[in-house]
Amino acid sequence: MKRKLFLFATFFSLIFTLSSCQNRNWRSPDTSIATQNVSIANLISNRQAYDSAGVSLIGKVWNLETSNTTAKNDEGITGTYTTFMLADKAGTSVDIYASGEVPIQEGDFVRVVGIFRKEFQPSGDYFLNVVDAVRIEDWKPGFTYWLRELEFD
């Protein structure tokens, strides 16, 4: 009787454990960083506090540009990077840097996860007060976004 009860409890514990792991999405360690949700206005007004910190920002894409780096890598090939401004509803914006070409368009709403840098020089080019994007996700503004004045506070 005790053996059947033990097997019964073990079986349901295993089922419960496996079902709880089912809803978790795997994230690549290369694109996963510890971040905090920050409004763009708060980031701009507290640049020193957020220097080299992981941030998560939402906003609208403006001034989207794709450029080639001025420096060459070991094979003698110049790299490509994308820069754009991410703006909130009030028009406050921060510059975003992403290596490679990013599949977004001007006017898209996105969530940018990255590291804020007061000074940033990836290879040849020099940037001030920029978010080095690790991940850029499509984002749809909900009803509460249009009701609230700031994204996070």
N, C-alpha and C. Protein backbone atom coordinates (compact mmCIF):
# COMPACT_ATOMS: atom_id res chain seq x y z
N MET A 1 0.82 -1.19 0.00
CA MET A 1 0.00 0.00 0.00
C MET A 1 0.87 1.26 0.00
N LYS A 2 1.92 1.27 0.84
CA LYS A 2 2.81 2.42 0.90
C LYS A 2 3.55 2.59 -0.42
N ARG A 3 3.90 1.49 -1.05
CA ARG A 3 4.62 1.55 -2.32
C ARG A 3 3.73 2.17 -3.40
N LYS A 4 2.45 1.79 -3.45
CA LYS A 4 1.52 2.35 -4.43
C LYS A 4 1.31 3.84 -4.18
N LEU A 5 1.20 4.22 -2.93
CA LEU A 5 1.04 5.63 -2.59
C LEU A 5 2.28 6.43 -2.99
N PHE A 6 3.47 5.87 -2.76
CA PHE A 6 4.72 6.52 -3.14
C PHE A 6 4.80 6.69 -4.65
N LEU A 7 4.48 5.63 -5.41
CA LEU A 7 4.51 5.71 -6.87
C LEU A 7 3.48 6.71 -7.39
N PHE A 8 2.30 6.72 -6.80
CA PHE A 8 1.24 7.65 -7.17
C PHE A 8 1.69 9.10 -6.95
N ALA A 9 2.27 9.38 -5.79
CA ALA A 9 2.74 10.73 -5.47
C ALA A 9 3.89 11.13 -6.38
N THR A 10 4.80 10.22 -6.65
CA THR A 10 5.94 10.50 -7.53
C THR A 10 5.46 10.80 -8.94
N PHE A 11 4.51 10.02 -9.43
CA PHE A 11 3.97 10.21 -10.78
C PHE A 11 3.34 11.60 -10.92
N PHE A 12 2.50 12.00 -9.98
CA PHE A 12 1.85 13.30 -10.07
C PHE A 12 2.83 14.45 -9.84
N SER A 13 3.84 14.24 -9.04
CA SER A 13 4.88 15.27 -8.86
C SER A 13 5.63 15.49 -10.17
N LEU A 14 5.93 14.41 -10.87
CA LEU A 14 6.62 14.50 -12.15
C LEU A 14 5.74 15.21 -13.18
N ILE A 15 4.48 14.85 -13.25
CA ILE A 15 3.55 15.49 -14.18
C ILE A 15 3.42 16.98 -13.87
N PHE A 16 3.29 17.33 -12.60
CA PHE A 16 3.17 18.73 -12.19
C PHE A 16 4.43 19.52 -12.57
N THR A 17 5.60 18.94 -12.34
CA THR A 17 6.86 19.60 -12.66
C THR A 17 7.00 19.83 -14.15
N LEU A 18 6.69 18.83 -14.95
CA LEU A 18 6.81 18.97 -16.40
C LEU A 18 5.80 19.97 -16.95
N SER A 19 4.60 20.00 -16.42
CA SER A 19 3.60 20.94 -16.92
C SER A 19 3.92 22.38 -16.53
N SER A 20 4.58 22.60 -15.41
CA SER A 20 4.93 23.96 -15.02
C SER A 20 6.07 24.51 -15.87
N CYS A 21 6.89 23.67 -16.44
CA CYS A 21 8.00 24.11 -17.29
C CYS A 21 7.55 24.37 -18.72
N GLN A 22 6.36 23.98 -19.06
CA GLN A 22 5.88 24.06 -20.43
C GLN A 22 5.73 25.49 -20.92
N ASN A 23 5.35 26.44 -20.08
CA ASN A 23 5.05 27.80 -20.50
C ASN A 23 6.26 28.71 -20.55
N ARG A 24 7.42 28.24 -20.24
CA ARG A 24 8.60 29.09 -20.24
C ARG A 24 9.22 29.12 -21.63
N ASN A 25 9.53 30.33 -22.09
CA ASN A 25 10.18 30.49 -23.38
C ASN A 25 11.68 30.51 -23.20
N TRP A 26 12.37 29.80 -24.04
CA TRP A 26 13.82 29.78 -23.97
C TRP A 26 14.35 31.06 -24.59
N ARG A 27 15.33 31.66 -23.94
CA ARG A 27 16.00 32.85 -24.45
C ARG A 27 17.47 32.54 -24.61
N SER A 28 18.03 32.98 -25.69
CA SER A 28 19.45 32.79 -25.93
C SER A 28 20.24 33.57 -24.89
N PRO A 29 21.26 32.97 -24.30
CA PRO A 29 22.08 33.70 -23.33
C PRO A 29 22.76 34.93 -23.93
N ASP A 30 22.97 34.92 -25.25
CA ASP A 30 23.61 36.06 -25.89
C ASP A 30 22.71 37.29 -25.94
N THR A 31 21.40 37.09 -25.85
CA THR A 31 20.48 38.22 -25.93
C THR A 31 19.71 38.44 -24.63
N SER A 32 20.09 37.76 -23.57
CA SER A 32 19.41 37.91 -22.28
C SER A 32 20.29 38.70 -21.32
N ILE A 33 19.77 39.82 -20.86
CA ILE A 33 20.49 40.61 -19.86
C ILE A 33 19.50 41.09 -18.81
N ALA A 34 20.01 41.37 -17.65
CA ALA A 34 19.16 41.90 -16.57
C ALA A 34 18.85 43.35 -16.89
N THR A 35 17.57 43.68 -16.97
CA THR A 35 17.17 45.05 -17.32
C THR A 35 16.11 45.55 -16.36
N GLN A 36 15.90 46.85 -16.43
CA GLN A 36 14.80 47.45 -15.71
C GLN A 36 14.02 48.32 -16.68
N ASN A 37 12.69 48.31 -16.54
CA ASN A 37 11.84 49.14 -17.38
C ASN A 37 12.03 50.60 -16.98
N VAL A 38 12.37 51.42 -17.96
CA VAL A 38 12.68 52.82 -17.71
C VAL A 38 11.96 53.66 -18.76
N SER A 39 11.42 54.79 -18.35
CA SER A 39 10.87 55.71 -19.34
C SER A 39 12.04 56.45 -19.99
N ILE A 40 11.83 56.85 -21.23
CA ILE A 40 12.90 57.54 -21.96
C ILE A 40 13.24 58.86 -21.26
N ALA A 41 12.24 59.57 -20.78
CA ALA A 41 12.48 60.84 -20.08
C ALA A 41 13.32 60.63 -18.83
N ASN A 42 13.04 59.57 -18.08
CA ASN A 42 13.81 59.27 -16.87
C ASN A 42 15.25 58.90 -17.22
N LEU A 43 15.44 58.16 -18.29
CA LEU A 43 16.79 57.78 -18.72
C LEU A 43 17.60 59.01 -19.11
N ILE A 44 16.99 59.91 -19.87
CA ILE A 44 17.70 61.11 -20.33
C ILE A 44 18.03 62.04 -19.16
N SER A 45 17.13 62.15 -18.20
CA SER A 45 17.38 63.07 -17.08
C SER A 45 18.35 62.49 -16.05
N ASN A 46 18.58 61.18 -16.06
CA ASN A 46 19.49 60.54 -15.10
C ASN A 46 20.55 59.71 -15.82
N ARG A 47 21.25 60.32 -16.75
CA ARG A 47 22.23 59.59 -17.57
C ARG A 47 23.33 58.95 -16.74
N GLN A 48 23.81 59.66 -15.74
CA GLN A 48 24.90 59.14 -14.92
C GLN A 48 24.46 57.89 -14.15
N ALA A 49 23.24 57.88 -13.64
CA ALA A 49 22.75 56.75 -12.86
C ALA A 49 22.57 55.50 -13.71
N TYR A 50 22.24 55.66 -14.98
CA TYR A 50 21.98 54.51 -15.85
C TYR A 50 23.17 54.13 -16.72
N ASP A 51 24.32 54.79 -16.57
CA ASP A 51 25.48 54.46 -17.39
C ASP A 51 25.88 53.01 -17.18
N SER A 52 26.00 52.25 -18.25
CA SER A 52 26.36 50.82 -18.27
C SER A 52 25.31 49.93 -17.61
N ALA A 53 24.08 50.41 -17.51
CA ALA A 53 22.99 49.62 -16.92
C ALA A 53 22.13 49.02 -18.02
N GLY A 54 21.58 47.85 -17.74
CA GLY A 54 20.64 47.24 -18.66
C GLY A 54 19.29 47.92 -18.56
N VAL A 55 18.75 48.36 -19.69
CA VAL A 55 17.48 49.07 -19.71
C VAL A 55 16.54 48.44 -20.73
N SER A 56 15.26 48.60 -20.48
CA SER A 56 14.22 48.18 -21.41
C SER A 56 13.34 49.39 -21.69
N LEU A 57 13.29 49.81 -22.94
CA LEU A 57 12.58 51.01 -23.33
C LEU A 57 11.53 50.68 -24.38
N ILE A 58 10.43 51.43 -24.39
CA ILE A 58 9.45 51.29 -25.46
C ILE A 58 9.22 52.65 -26.08
N GLY A 59 8.97 52.65 -27.38
CA GLY A 59 8.73 53.90 -28.06
C GLY A 59 8.58 53.69 -29.55
N LYS A 60 8.60 54.80 -30.27
CA LYS A 60 8.40 54.81 -31.71
C LYS A 60 9.72 55.10 -32.41
N VAL A 61 9.96 54.43 -33.52
CA VAL A 61 11.22 54.53 -34.27
C VAL A 61 11.19 55.77 -35.17
N TRP A 62 12.25 56.58 -35.08
CA TRP A 62 12.42 57.75 -35.93
C TRP A 62 13.85 57.80 -36.44
N ASN A 63 14.07 58.44 -37.58
CA ASN A 63 15.41 58.65 -38.17
C ASN A 63 16.19 57.35 -38.29
N LEU A 64 15.60 56.35 -38.89
CA LEU A 64 16.22 55.04 -39.07
C LEU A 64 17.28 55.11 -40.16
N GLU A 65 18.52 54.72 -39.81
CA GLU A 65 19.63 54.74 -40.77
C GLU A 65 20.46 53.48 -40.62
N THR A 66 20.90 52.93 -41.74
CA THR A 66 21.83 51.80 -41.75
C THR A 66 23.12 52.29 -42.37
N SER A 67 24.25 52.06 -41.69
CA SER A 67 25.54 52.57 -42.15
C SER A 67 26.60 51.48 -42.07
N ASN A 68 27.72 51.75 -42.72
CA ASN A 68 28.88 50.87 -42.62
C ASN A 68 29.87 51.47 -41.62
N THR A 69 30.56 50.61 -40.89
CA THR A 69 31.56 51.08 -39.93
C THR A 69 32.75 51.64 -40.68
N THR A 70 33.46 52.56 -40.04
CA THR A 70 34.65 53.13 -40.66
C THR A 70 35.85 52.21 -40.49
N ALA A 71 35.84 51.38 -39.47
CA ALA A 71 36.95 50.45 -39.23
C ALA A 71 36.66 49.11 -39.89
N LYS A 72 37.72 48.35 -40.17
CA LYS A 72 37.58 47.03 -40.79
C LYS A 72 37.91 45.96 -39.77
N ASN A 73 37.29 44.80 -39.93
CA ASN A 73 37.58 43.68 -39.02
C ASN A 73 38.84 42.95 -39.47
N ASP A 74 39.13 41.79 -38.87
CA ASP A 74 40.35 41.04 -39.17
C ASP A 74 40.43 40.60 -40.63
N GLU A 75 39.28 40.36 -41.26
CA GLU A 75 39.26 39.94 -42.66
C GLU A 75 39.28 41.12 -43.63
N GLY A 76 39.31 42.34 -43.11
CA GLY A 76 39.34 43.53 -43.96
C GLY A 76 37.97 43.95 -44.46
N ILE A 77 36.91 43.50 -43.80
CA ILE A 77 35.55 43.81 -44.22
C ILE A 77 34.94 44.80 -43.23
N THR A 78 34.27 45.81 -43.78
CA THR A 78 33.58 46.74 -42.89
C THR A 78 32.24 46.14 -42.48
N GLY A 79 31.82 46.42 -41.26
CA GLY A 79 30.56 45.90 -40.76
C GLY A 79 29.42 46.88 -40.99
N THR A 80 28.22 46.42 -40.73
CA THR A 80 27.03 47.24 -40.88
C THR A 80 26.40 47.45 -39.52
N TYR A 81 25.86 48.63 -39.30
CA TYR A 81 25.13 48.89 -38.06
C TYR A 81 23.92 49.76 -38.37
N THR A 82 22.96 49.72 -37.47
CA THR A 82 21.72 50.49 -37.61
C THR A 82 21.60 51.44 -36.43
N THR A 83 21.26 52.68 -36.71
CA THR A 83 20.99 53.66 -35.66
C THR A 83 19.60 54.24 -35.89
N PHE A 84 18.93 54.58 -34.81
CA PHE A 84 17.65 55.26 -34.90
C PHE A 84 17.36 55.95 -33.58
N MET A 85 16.37 56.82 -33.60
CA MET A 85 15.92 57.49 -32.39
C MET A 85 14.66 56.78 -31.92
N LEU A 86 14.58 56.51 -30.62
CA LEU A 86 13.39 55.92 -30.02
C LEU A 86 12.72 57.02 -29.21
N ALA A 87 11.49 57.37 -29.58
CA ALA A 87 10.80 58.51 -28.96
C ALA A 87 9.55 58.05 -28.22
N ASP A 88 9.27 58.72 -27.10
CA ASP A 88 8.02 58.46 -26.37
C ASP A 88 6.94 59.40 -26.91
N LYS A 89 5.76 59.38 -26.28
CA LYS A 89 4.64 60.20 -26.76
C LYS A 89 4.92 61.69 -26.68
N ALA A 90 5.72 62.10 -25.70
CA ALA A 90 6.01 63.52 -25.51
C ALA A 90 7.07 64.02 -26.49
N GLY A 91 7.70 63.11 -27.24
CA GLY A 91 8.73 63.50 -28.19
C GLY A 91 10.14 63.40 -27.64
N THR A 92 10.29 63.01 -26.38
CA THR A 92 11.61 62.80 -25.80
C THR A 92 12.22 61.56 -26.44
N SER A 93 13.48 61.66 -26.87
CA SER A 93 14.06 60.53 -27.59
C SER A 93 15.46 60.21 -27.10
N VAL A 94 15.87 58.99 -27.39
CA VAL A 94 17.20 58.51 -27.09
C VAL A 94 17.71 57.78 -28.33
N ASP A 95 19.02 57.88 -28.58
CA ASP A 95 19.61 57.20 -29.73
C ASP A 95 19.82 55.73 -29.43
N ILE A 96 19.59 54.88 -30.43
CA ILE A 96 19.75 53.44 -30.31
C ILE A 96 20.77 52.99 -31.35
N TYR A 97 21.69 52.12 -30.95
CA TYR A 97 22.68 51.52 -31.84
C TYR A 97 22.47 50.02 -31.84
N ALA A 98 22.41 49.41 -33.02
CA ALA A 98 22.29 47.96 -33.14
C ALA A 98 23.23 47.49 -34.24
N SER A 99 24.03 46.48 -33.95
CA SER A 99 24.93 45.97 -34.98
C SER A 99 24.13 45.19 -36.01
N GLY A 100 24.51 45.32 -37.26
CA GLY A 100 23.80 44.65 -38.35
C GLY A 100 22.59 45.45 -38.80
N GLU A 101 21.82 44.85 -39.71
CA GLU A 101 20.59 45.48 -40.18
C GLU A 101 19.43 44.96 -39.35
N VAL A 102 18.57 45.87 -38.92
CA VAL A 102 17.43 45.52 -38.07
C VAL A 102 16.16 45.58 -38.92
N PRO A 103 15.32 44.53 -38.88
CA PRO A 103 14.11 44.50 -39.72
C PRO A 103 12.96 45.31 -39.12
N ILE A 104 13.14 46.62 -39.02
CA ILE A 104 12.09 47.51 -38.55
C ILE A 104 11.93 48.64 -39.55
N GLN A 105 10.83 49.37 -39.43
CA GLN A 105 10.59 50.50 -40.32
C GLN A 105 10.34 51.75 -39.48
N GLU A 106 10.51 52.87 -40.11
CA GLU A 106 10.25 54.13 -39.43
C GLU A 106 8.77 54.20 -39.04
N GLY A 107 8.50 54.58 -37.79
CA GLY A 107 7.14 54.67 -37.29
C GLY A 107 6.68 53.44 -36.53
N ASP A 108 7.49 52.36 -36.51
CA ASP A 108 7.14 51.15 -35.76
C ASP A 108 7.26 51.40 -34.26
N PHE A 109 6.41 50.76 -33.48
CA PHE A 109 6.54 50.74 -32.03
C PHE A 109 7.37 49.52 -31.67
N VAL A 110 8.44 49.72 -30.89
CA VAL A 110 9.32 48.61 -30.52
C VAL A 110 9.69 48.69 -29.04
N ARG A 111 10.12 47.55 -28.53
CA ARG A 111 10.74 47.48 -27.20
C ARG A 111 12.21 47.19 -27.44
N VAL A 112 13.07 48.03 -26.89
CA VAL A 112 14.51 47.87 -27.03
C VAL A 112 15.08 47.44 -25.69
N VAL A 113 15.80 46.33 -25.70
CA VAL A 113 16.50 45.85 -24.52
C VAL A 113 17.98 46.00 -24.82
N GLY A 114 18.69 46.73 -23.97
CA GLY A 114 20.10 46.96 -24.23
C GLY A 114 20.80 47.60 -23.05
N ILE A 115 22.00 48.08 -23.31
CA ILE A 115 22.83 48.68 -22.28
C ILE A 115 23.04 50.15 -22.63
N PHE A 116 22.68 51.04 -21.71
CA PHE A 116 22.86 52.47 -21.93
C PHE A 116 24.32 52.83 -21.72
N ARG A 117 24.89 53.56 -22.66
CA ARG A 117 26.29 53.99 -22.58
C ARG A 117 26.36 55.50 -22.78
N LYS A 118 27.05 56.17 -21.85
CA LYS A 118 27.29 57.61 -22.04
C LYS A 118 28.28 57.84 -23.17
N GLU A 119 29.28 56.98 -23.26
CA GLU A 119 30.26 57.03 -24.35
C GLU A 119 30.40 55.63 -24.91
N PHE A 120 30.33 55.52 -26.24
CA PHE A 120 30.32 54.20 -26.86
C PHE A 120 31.08 54.26 -28.18
N GLN A 121 32.07 53.38 -28.33
CA GLN A 121 32.84 53.31 -29.56
C GLN A 121 33.01 51.84 -29.95
N PRO A 122 32.07 51.30 -30.76
CA PRO A 122 32.15 49.88 -31.11
C PRO A 122 33.33 49.56 -32.02
N SER A 123 33.51 50.30 -33.10
CA SER A 123 34.66 50.09 -33.99
C SER A 123 34.76 51.28 -34.94
N GLY A 124 35.61 52.21 -34.58
CA GLY A 124 35.83 53.36 -35.45
C GLY A 124 34.89 54.53 -35.20
N ASP A 125 33.62 54.28 -35.14
CA ASP A 125 32.64 55.35 -34.93
C ASP A 125 32.46 55.60 -33.44
N TYR A 126 32.12 56.84 -33.10
CA TYR A 126 32.00 57.24 -31.69
C TYR A 126 30.60 57.76 -31.43
N PHE A 127 29.96 57.28 -30.36
CA PHE A 127 28.59 57.68 -30.03
C PHE A 127 28.54 58.19 -28.60
N LEU A 128 27.67 59.16 -28.35
CA LEU A 128 27.42 59.68 -27.00
C LEU A 128 25.97 59.41 -26.62
N ASN A 129 25.74 59.02 -25.36
CA ASN A 129 24.39 58.81 -24.82
C ASN A 129 23.54 57.93 -25.74
N VAL A 130 23.95 56.69 -25.88
CA VAL A 130 23.30 55.76 -26.79
C VAL A 130 22.99 54.46 -26.07
N VAL A 131 21.94 53.78 -26.49
CA VAL A 131 21.62 52.45 -25.98
C VAL A 131 22.17 51.44 -26.97
N ASP A 132 23.07 50.59 -26.51
CA ASP A 132 23.62 49.50 -27.33
C ASP A 132 22.60 48.36 -27.27
N ALA A 133 21.81 48.21 -28.33
CA ALA A 133 20.69 47.27 -28.33
C ALA A 133 21.18 45.83 -28.40
N VAL A 134 20.68 45.02 -27.49
CA VAL A 134 20.93 43.58 -27.50
C VAL A 134 19.77 42.88 -28.18
N ARG A 135 18.55 43.40 -27.96
CA ARG A 135 17.36 42.79 -28.54
C ARG A 135 16.35 43.89 -28.87
N ILE A 136 15.73 43.78 -30.04
CA ILE A 136 14.68 44.72 -30.45
C ILE A 136 13.46 43.88 -30.79
N GLU A 137 12.35 44.15 -30.09
CA GLU A 137 11.13 43.37 -30.26
C GLU A 137 10.00 44.27 -30.76
N ASP A 138 9.14 43.70 -31.58
CA ASP A 138 7.94 44.40 -32.00
C ASP A 138 7.05 44.61 -30.77
N TRP A 139 6.41 45.77 -30.67
CA TRP A 139 5.57 46.07 -29.51
C TRP A 139 4.33 46.80 -29.98
N LYS A 140 3.19 46.37 -29.49
CA LYS A 140 1.92 47.01 -29.83
C LYS A 140 1.42 47.82 -28.64
N PRO A 141 1.23 49.13 -28.80
CA PRO A 141 0.73 49.93 -27.67
C PRO A 141 -0.71 49.56 -27.35
N GLY A 142 -0.96 49.27 -26.09
CA GLY A 142 -2.30 48.94 -25.63
C GLY A 142 -3.09 50.18 -25.25
N PHE A 143 -4.29 49.96 -24.79
CA PHE A 143 -5.18 51.05 -24.41
C PHE A 143 -4.60 51.88 -23.28
N THR A 144 -3.95 51.23 -22.31
CA THR A 144 -3.40 51.97 -21.17
C THR A 144 -2.23 52.85 -21.59
N TYR A 145 -1.52 52.48 -22.66
CA TYR A 145 -0.42 53.32 -23.14
C TYR A 145 -0.93 54.69 -23.54
N TRP A 146 -2.07 54.73 -24.20
CA TRP A 146 -2.60 56.00 -24.67
C TRP A 146 -3.24 56.80 -23.54
N LEU A 147 -3.63 56.15 -22.45
CA LEU A 147 -4.22 56.86 -21.32
C LEU A 147 -3.18 57.45 -20.38
N ARG A 148 -2.07 56.74 -20.22
CA ARG A 148 -1.05 57.20 -19.28
C ARG A 148 -0.10 58.18 -19.94
N GLU A 149 0.45 59.06 -19.15
CA GLU A 149 1.35 60.06 -19.70
C GLU A 149 2.75 59.49 -19.92
N LEU A 150 3.20 58.59 -19.05
CA LEU A 150 4.51 57.98 -19.18
C LEU A 150 4.36 56.47 -19.22
N GLU A 151 5.31 55.78 -19.85
CA GLU A 151 5.22 54.34 -19.97
C GLU A 151 5.37 53.65 -18.62
N PHE A 152 6.38 54.04 -17.84
CA PHE A 152 6.67 53.39 -16.56
C PHE A 152 6.92 54.46 -15.51
N ASP A 153 6.44 54.25 -14.33
CA ASP A 153 6.76 55.11 -13.17
C ASP A 153 6.22 54.50 -11.92
